[in-house]
Every structure is written in structure tokens, then in C-alpha cells.
């Protein structure tokens, strides 16, 4: 059994964070939350999460800028981008910046939990 790692959820929608947190905690994953990229960066420093789920469209620091900052800092934590943007160019840019997976909104439990398990098992 894979050790349960803490998941950092970064989304400006408290509704989305609640849905994601509920889904993850029911599966046994401890969660921490941030409502934008800036506070997400602070949470990484404080809490050292094992996986990050980040929304792309947020005020202050959006998902792309968040990924860019992580890459510049050399921080390599598996990242799942949660978005309603399905453009290939957006996906390509996120992958270039270190995103491990993409999940479309609205979130589906049957996609999220397997994606997390896959990332943990692959050591990405």
C-alpha cells in the first residue's frame, strides 16, 4: 500500500476545494488548501505536500504562473491541473512547465483517485 501523502488543493472556488477535499479525504488522503497560487506557494514551503492539484484560472497568481514559479525554483512535486480549458496549446504549455496530469472540470471522483494513485505509484 502506498503511503498516504498530503495533497495541496489550490483553487479560488471554495465550492471546488470542498468537493475535491471531500473526495480525497474519503479515500484517505490528508488535504491542505489554498485559495490562490500565492498562498499555494506559501503552503508548499510550510507543509511539503506530496501532490498538488491546481486550477488554471485564478486571480493573483494563476495556474500557469504557479507552474512557472515552481519550475524556476526547481520544485518537482507531481501536479494535477484541474481545468475547464481543453485547448491543446494550454495543455502543452502546462506539460512543459511540469504538470503531470490533466483533469477536466467538473471533477469526477472516478478520475481523480486513480490519477493520484498512478502518480504516487509511478514516482513522477
Protein backbone atom coordinates (compact mmCIF):
# COMPACT_ATOMS: atom_id res chain seq x y z
CA UNK A 1 0.00 0.00 0.00
CA UNK A 2 1.31 3.41 -0.93
CA UNK A 3 1.90 5.80 1.95
CA UNK A 4 -0.79 8.48 2.11
CA UNK A 5 0.70 11.80 1.15
CA UNK A 6 -0.75 15.22 1.81
CA UNK A 7 -2.49 16.77 -1.18
CA UNK A 8 -2.41 20.54 -1.66
CA UNK A 9 -5.58 21.81 -3.36
CA UNK A 10 -5.24 25.24 -4.99
CA UNK A 11 -8.46 26.70 -6.36
CA UNK A 12 -10.10 30.10 -5.91
CA UNK A 13 -13.51 28.43 -5.69
CA UNK A 14 -14.29 27.30 -2.13
CA UNK A 15 -17.00 25.09 -3.64
CA UNK A 16 -14.45 23.28 -5.84
CA UNK A 17 -11.99 22.94 -2.95
CA UNK A 18 -14.72 21.41 -0.78
CA UNK A 19 -15.65 18.84 -3.45
CA UNK A 20 -12.01 17.90 -4.03
CA UNK A 21 -11.20 17.75 -0.29
CA UNK A 22 -14.25 15.58 0.41
CA UNK A 23 -13.35 13.20 -2.41
CA UNK A 24 -9.74 12.90 -1.23
CA UNK A 25 -10.40 12.60 2.49
CA UNK A 26 -12.97 9.85 1.82
CA UNK A 27 -10.16 8.00 0.01
CA UNK A 28 -7.84 8.55 2.99
CA UNK A 29 -5.70 11.41 1.67
CA UNK A 30 -4.98 14.28 4.06
CA UNK A 31 -5.51 17.67 2.39
CA UNK A 32 -4.44 21.26 2.78
CA UNK A 33 -5.97 24.12 0.81
CA UNK A 34 -5.05 27.44 -0.75
CA UNK A 35 -7.37 29.87 -2.50
CA UNK A 36 -4.79 31.19 -4.98
CA UNK A 37 -1.34 30.49 -6.36
CA UNK A 38 0.41 32.87 -3.98
CA UNK A 39 -0.95 31.19 -0.85
CA UNK A 40 -0.32 27.83 -2.55
CA UNK A 41 3.38 28.67 -2.83
CA UNK A 42 3.43 29.50 0.89
CA UNK A 43 1.73 26.19 1.70
CA UNK A 44 4.39 24.28 -0.25
CA UNK A 45 7.12 25.86 1.88
CA UNK A 46 5.26 25.18 5.14
CA UNK A 47 3.72 21.79 4.56
CA UNK A 48 5.73 19.95 1.87
CA UNK A 49 2.76 18.31 0.11
CA UNK A 50 3.27 15.13 -1.91
CA UNK A 51 0.86 16.09 -4.71
CA UNK A 52 -0.65 19.36 -5.86
CA UNK A 53 -4.00 19.87 -7.57
CA UNK A 54 -4.16 23.32 -9.15
CA UNK A 55 -6.82 25.23 -11.04
CA UNK A 56 -5.62 27.26 -14.04
CA UNK A 57 -7.91 30.28 -13.83
CA UNK A 58 -7.35 32.14 -10.55
CA UNK A 59 -6.75 35.75 -9.52
CA UNK A 60 -3.33 36.95 -8.35
CA UNK A 61 -1.12 34.02 -9.44
CA UNK A 62 -2.91 31.75 -11.92
CA UNK A 63 -2.09 28.11 -12.63
CA UNK A 64 0.35 28.82 -15.48
CA UNK A 65 2.28 31.39 -13.42
CA UNK A 66 2.23 28.98 -10.46
CA UNK A 67 3.76 26.21 -12.60
CA UNK A 68 6.33 28.67 -13.97
CA UNK A 69 7.42 29.70 -10.46
CA UNK A 70 7.73 26.07 -9.33
CA UNK A 71 9.86 25.27 -12.37
CA UNK A 72 12.13 28.28 -11.76
CA UNK A 73 12.55 27.24 -8.12
CA UNK A 74 13.34 23.66 -9.10
CA UNK A 75 10.42 22.30 -7.10
CA UNK A 76 9.30 18.97 -8.54
CA UNK A 77 6.09 17.80 -6.94
CA UNK A 78 3.57 15.84 -9.02
CA UNK A 79 0.92 18.29 -10.22
CA UNK A 80 -2.59 17.63 -11.47
CA UNK A 81 -4.05 20.55 -13.39
CA UNK A 82 -7.80 20.82 -12.95
CA UNK A 83 -9.38 22.95 -15.64
CA UNK A 84 -12.27 23.55 -17.96
CA UNK A 85 -9.78 24.76 -20.62
CA UNK A 86 -9.32 21.90 -23.07
CA UNK A 87 -7.14 23.67 -25.64
CA UNK A 88 -4.12 21.68 -26.78
CA UNK A 89 -1.87 24.75 -26.52
CA UNK A 90 -2.80 25.19 -22.85
CA UNK A 91 -2.14 21.53 -22.09
CA UNK A 92 1.17 21.61 -23.95
CA UNK A 93 2.32 24.69 -22.02
CA UNK A 94 1.39 23.12 -18.67
CA UNK A 95 3.24 19.89 -19.52
CA UNK A 96 6.31 21.96 -20.49
CA UNK A 97 6.08 23.62 -17.08
CA UNK A 98 5.96 20.31 -15.22
CA UNK A 99 2.30 19.33 -14.91
CA UNK A 100 1.91 15.57 -14.56
CA UNK A 101 -1.77 15.14 -15.39
CA UNK A 102 -4.87 16.99 -16.56
CA UNK A 103 -8.38 16.51 -15.29
CA UNK A 104 -11.35 18.38 -16.67
CA UNK A 105 -13.92 20.21 -14.62
CA UNK A 106 -16.34 19.24 -13.32
CA UNK A 107 -14.25 16.89 -11.20
CA UNK A 108 -15.14 13.22 -11.26
CA UNK A 109 -14.09 11.02 -8.35
CA UNK A 110 -13.55 8.06 -10.68
CA UNK A 111 -10.84 10.09 -12.46
CA UNK A 112 -9.19 11.87 -9.53
CA UNK A 113 -8.39 8.99 -7.19
CA UNK A 114 -6.87 6.74 -9.91
CA UNK A 115 -4.83 9.70 -11.21
CA UNK A 116 -3.37 10.30 -7.75
CA UNK A 117 -2.64 6.61 -7.20
CA UNK A 118 -0.98 6.41 -10.61
CA UNK A 119 1.26 9.42 -9.86
CA UNK A 120 2.26 8.01 -6.48
CA UNK A 121 2.99 4.55 -7.90
CA UNK A 122 4.97 5.88 -10.85
CA UNK A 123 7.14 8.10 -8.66
CA UNK A 124 6.62 11.02 -11.08
